Protein backbone atom coordinates (compact mmCIF):
# COMPACT_ATOMS: atom_id res chain seq x y z
CA MET A 1 0.22 -0.11 0.10
CA LYS A 2 1.48 3.78 -0.87
CA ARG A 3 1.96 6.24 1.63
CA ASN A 4 -1.05 8.36 0.18
CA GLU A 5 -3.15 5.61 0.15
CA LEU A 6 -2.50 4.24 3.69
CA LYS A 7 -2.55 8.18 4.95
CA GLU A 8 -6.12 8.43 3.38
CA ALA A 9 -7.08 5.24 4.08
CA LYS A 10 -6.35 6.66 7.98
CA LYS A 11 -8.67 9.77 7.42
CA LYS A 12 -11.38 7.43 6.51
CA ILE A 13 -11.20 5.56 9.63
CA GLU A 14 -10.65 8.62 11.72
CA MET A 15 -14.12 10.23 10.01
CA LEU A 16 -15.97 7.00 10.11
CA VAL A 17 -14.78 6.56 14.08
CA ASN A 18 -15.86 10.31 14.59
CA HIS A 19 -19.13 9.78 12.61
CA LEU A 20 -19.80 7.01 14.83
CA CYS A 21 -19.19 8.54 18.72
CA GLU A 22 -21.20 11.53 17.35
CA ALA A 23 -24.10 9.32 16.63
CA ILE A 24 -24.10 6.97 19.85
CA ASP A 25 -26.70 8.78 22.51
CA VAL A 26 -25.19 8.19 25.33
CA ASP A 27 -28.10 9.28 27.28
CA LEU A 28 -29.74 5.87 26.39
CA LEU A 29 -27.10 3.84 27.60
CA SER A 30 -27.01 2.03 31.21
CA ASP A 31 -24.68 3.53 33.50
CA SER A 32 -22.33 0.14 32.36
CA GLN A 33 -22.49 0.74 29.22
CA LYS A 34 -21.34 4.45 29.85
CA ILE A 35 -18.28 2.95 31.58
CA ALA A 36 -17.69 0.17 29.01
CA TYR A 37 -17.68 3.91 26.74
CA LEU A 38 -15.48 5.63 28.46
CA LYS A 39 -12.98 3.14 28.55
CA ALA A 40 -13.43 2.59 25.24
CA ILE A 41 -12.64 5.99 24.18
CA THR A 42 -10.59 7.70 26.80
CA PRO A 43 -7.35 6.80 25.12
CA TYR A 44 -8.01 7.86 21.76
CA VAL A 45 -9.80 11.40 23.49
CA MET A 46 -6.50 12.16 26.25
CA PRO A 47 -3.56 12.44 23.10
CA ARG A 48 -6.06 14.14 20.94
CA LEU A 49 -6.89 16.80 23.59
CA GLU A 50 -3.55 17.00 24.61
CA SER A 51 -2.05 17.59 21.50
CA VAL A 52 -4.80 20.03 21.21
CA LYS A 53 -3.47 21.77 24.21
CA GLN A 54 -0.24 21.91 22.82
CA GLU A 55 -1.80 23.75 19.69
CA THR A 56 -3.18 26.18 21.53
CA ASN A 57 0.00 27.30 23.83
CA LEU A 58 0.87 30.38 22.27
CA ASN A 59 3.72 32.98 22.22
CA VAL A 60 2.86 35.96 22.84
CA SER A 61 5.20 39.62 22.51
CA ASP A 62 5.89 41.15 25.41
CA SER A 63 3.99 43.96 24.31
CA LEU A 64 0.67 41.91 23.76
CA GLN A 65 1.15 40.59 27.13
CA TRP A 66 -0.89 43.63 29.35
CA LEU A 67 -3.88 41.69 26.95
CA ILE A 68 -3.27 38.02 28.51
CA ASP A 69 -2.66 39.27 32.31
CA GLU A 70 -5.84 42.43 32.21
CA ASP A 71 -9.43 41.95 33.18
CA GLU A 72 -11.57 41.67 30.01
CA ALA A 73 -14.19 43.85 31.39
CA ASP A 74 -10.75 46.34 31.98
CA ILE A 75 -9.82 46.10 28.39
CA GLU A 76 -13.28 46.63 27.01
CA ALA A 77 -13.81 49.65 29.55
CA GLN A 78 -10.84 50.90 27.75
CA VAL A 79 -11.76 50.33 24.62
CA ASN A 80 -14.72 52.02 25.57
CA LYS A 81 -13.60 55.26 26.57
CA LYS A 82 -11.33 55.66 23.59
CA TYR A 83 -13.74 55.14 21.32
CA GLY A 84 -16.69 56.64 23.06
CA ILE A 85 -18.85 53.69 23.55
CA GLY A 86 -21.40 52.94 26.09
CA ASN A 87 -21.26 55.25 29.38
CA PHE A 88 -18.05 56.70 27.90
CA ALA A 89 -19.51 58.62 25.08
CA THR A 90 -20.52 62.05 24.99
CA ASN A 91 -23.85 63.25 23.85
CA LYS A 92 -22.53 67.17 22.60
CA GLY A 93 -25.54 68.70 20.09
CA VAL A 94 -28.19 65.97 21.09
CA ALA A 95 -31.16 66.67 22.70
């Protein structure tokens, strides 16, 4: 089997497995079936979650680090004040 064919087969199997996992109505399973399902999918889910965690680890420049450290509400208030949005808007010329 060629490398491309193997890659394509692996992708199709992954798509099928994902579809089957999404199609299972977990609410209809008994407690023992839920435990069996969890045991079956855990080895596949955990490595995937770890790879997602690694992919979302961002390297942020020092000039933008304050955005991460700052409270979201404070940033929103600063933006609103700068652009005259919300409570910071001036009503010049409005009756």
